[in-house]
Amino acid sequence: MTNETRSQSPTVVLRISDGSRLVRQAFADFGQASRSAEAYAREGFVVDMMSATGLFIMDFETVRRGLAV
């Protein structure tokens, strides 16, 4: 017998850092986690993707934008 009201466990955890603080965000959907990681990286954050068990999956390249003056 399965319990259909049970919440789904996170499968991917993002470690997001701006250099001074570290935030973790959990996702059950790999595609959504990947899109979020890319968006954070575009904004200049350092992002690592980990499995829910703590194994490293990948990191995302930070995109630095020059400021126009």
C-alpha atoms as a PDB file:
ATOM      1  CA  MET A   1       0.000   0.000   0.000  1.00  0.00           C
ATOM      2  CA  THR A   2       1.436   3.381  -1.013  1.00  0.00           C
ATOM      3  CA  ASN A   3       0.843   6.700   0.649  1.00  0.00           C
ATOM      4  CA  GLU A   4       0.054   9.177  -2.129  1.00  0.00           C
ATOM      5  CA  THR A   5      -0.076  12.189   0.204  1.00  0.00           C
ATOM      6  CA  ARG A   6       3.572  11.719   1.134  1.00  0.00           C
ATOM      7  CA  SER A   7       5.815  14.534  -0.096  1.00  0.00           C
ATOM      8  CA  GLN A   8       8.553  13.797  -2.585  1.00  0.00           C
ATOM      9  CA  SER A   9      12.097  13.813  -1.223  1.00  0.00           C
ATOM     10  CA  PRO A  10      14.561  16.293  -2.705  1.00  0.00           C
ATOM     11  CA  THR A  11      16.936  14.724  -5.195  1.00  0.00           C
ATOM     12  CA  VAL A  12      19.205  17.711  -5.897  1.00  0.00           C
ATOM     13  CA  VAL A  13      20.634  20.375  -3.591  1.00  0.00           C
ATOM     14  CA  LEU A  14      22.142  23.630  -4.851  1.00  0.00           C
ATOM     15  CA  ARG A  15      24.867  25.295  -2.802  1.00  0.00           C
ATOM     16  CA  ILE A  16      24.721  28.983  -3.685  1.00  0.00           C
ATOM     17  CA  SER A  17      27.350  31.453  -2.474  1.00  0.00           C
ATOM     18  CA  ASP A  18      28.132  35.123  -2.976  1.00  0.00           C
ATOM     19  CA  GLY A  19      31.534  34.731  -1.332  1.00  0.00           C
ATOM     20  CA  SER A  20      30.405  35.621   2.168  1.00  0.00           C
ATOM     21  CA  ARG A  21      27.234  33.563   2.668  1.00  0.00           C
ATOM     22  CA  LEU A  22      26.215  30.051   1.705  1.00  0.00           C
ATOM     23  CA  VAL A  23      22.611  29.094   0.978  1.00  0.00           C
ATOM     24  CA  ARG A  24      21.260  25.643   0.183  1.00  0.00           C
ATOM     25  CA  GLN A  25      18.170  25.109  -1.945  1.00  0.00           C
ATOM     26  CA  ALA A  26      16.616  21.652  -2.466  1.00  0.00           C
ATOM     27  CA  PHE A  27      14.741  20.464  -5.567  1.00  0.00           C
ATOM     28  CA  ALA A  28      12.858  17.283  -6.425  1.00  0.00           C
ATOM     29  CA  ASP A  29      13.086  18.043 -10.166  1.00  0.00           C
ATOM     30  CA  PHE A  30      16.548  17.965 -11.799  1.00  0.00           C
ATOM     31  CA  GLY A  31      15.512  20.225 -14.689  1.00  0.00           C
ATOM     32  CA  GLN A  32      14.216  22.937 -12.367  1.00  0.00           C
ATOM     33  CA  ALA A  33      17.380  22.691 -10.253  1.00  0.00           C
ATOM     34  CA  SER A  34      19.533  23.087 -13.359  1.00  0.00           C
ATOM     35  CA  ARG A  35      17.581  26.136 -14.594  1.00  0.00           C
ATOM     36  CA  SER A  36      17.812  27.750 -11.163  1.00  0.00           C
ATOM     37  CA  ALA A  37      21.549  27.070 -10.929  1.00  0.00           C
ATOM     38  CA  GLU A  38      22.128  28.657 -14.336  1.00  0.00           C
ATOM     39  CA  ALA A  39      20.087  31.716 -13.348  1.00  0.00           C
ATOM     40  CA  TYR A  40      22.067  32.175 -10.101  1.00  0.00           C
ATOM     41  CA  ALA A  41      25.357  31.765 -11.980  1.00  0.00           C
ATOM     42  CA  ARG A  42      24.299  34.403 -14.536  1.00  0.00           C
ATOM     43  CA  GLU A  43      23.788  36.811 -11.628  1.00  0.00           C
ATOM     44  CA  GLY A  44      27.341  36.224 -10.365  1.00  0.00           C
ATOM     45  CA  PHE A  45      26.782  33.597  -7.664  1.00  0.00           C
ATOM     46  CA  VAL A  46      28.985  30.522  -7.238  1.00  0.00           C
ATOM     47  CA  VAL A  47      26.760  27.448  -7.599  1.00  0.00           C
ATOM     48  CA  ASP A  48      27.479  23.769  -6.926  1.00  0.00           C
ATOM     49  CA  MET A  49      24.947  21.024  -7.595  1.00  0.00           C
ATOM     50  CA  MET A  50      24.954  18.109  -5.142  1.00  0.00           C
ATOM     51  CA  SER A  51      22.868  14.966  -4.829  1.00  0.00           C
ATOM     52  CA  ALA A  52      20.623  14.740  -1.773  1.00  0.00           C
ATOM     53  CA  THR A  53      23.154  12.283  -0.310  1.00  0.00           C
ATOM     54  CA  GLY A  54      25.939  14.882  -0.600  1.00  0.00           C
ATOM     55  CA  LEU A  55      27.748  13.691  -3.726  1.00  0.00           C
ATOM     56  CA  PHE A  56      29.044  16.430  -6.032  1.00  0.00           C
ATOM     57  CA  ILE A  57      27.263  16.491  -9.409  1.00  0.00           C
ATOM     58  CA  MET A  58      28.512  19.666 -11.156  1.00  0.00           C
ATOM     59  CA  ASP A  59      29.339  23.313 -10.723  1.00  0.00           C
ATOM     60  CA  PHE A  60      28.151  26.250 -12.776  1.00  0.00           C
ATOM     61  CA  GLU A  61      30.442  28.890 -14.253  1.00  0.00           C
ATOM     62  CA  THR A  62      29.858  32.349 -12.838  1.00  0.00           C
ATOM     63  CA  VAL A  63      29.222  34.965 -15.496  1.00  0.00           C
ATOM     64  CA  ARG A  64      30.793  38.312 -14.637  1.00  0.00           C
ATOM     65  CA  ARG A  65      29.326  41.281 -16.439  1.00  0.00           C
ATOM     66  CA  GLY A  66      31.240  44.480 -16.954  1.00  0.00           C
ATOM     67  CA  LEU A  67      29.651  47.697 -15.794  1.00  0.00           C
ATOM     68  CA  ALA A  68      29.015  50.398 -18.343  1.00  0.00           C
ATOM     69  CA  VAL A  69      29.775  53.868 -17.051  1.00  0.00           C
END
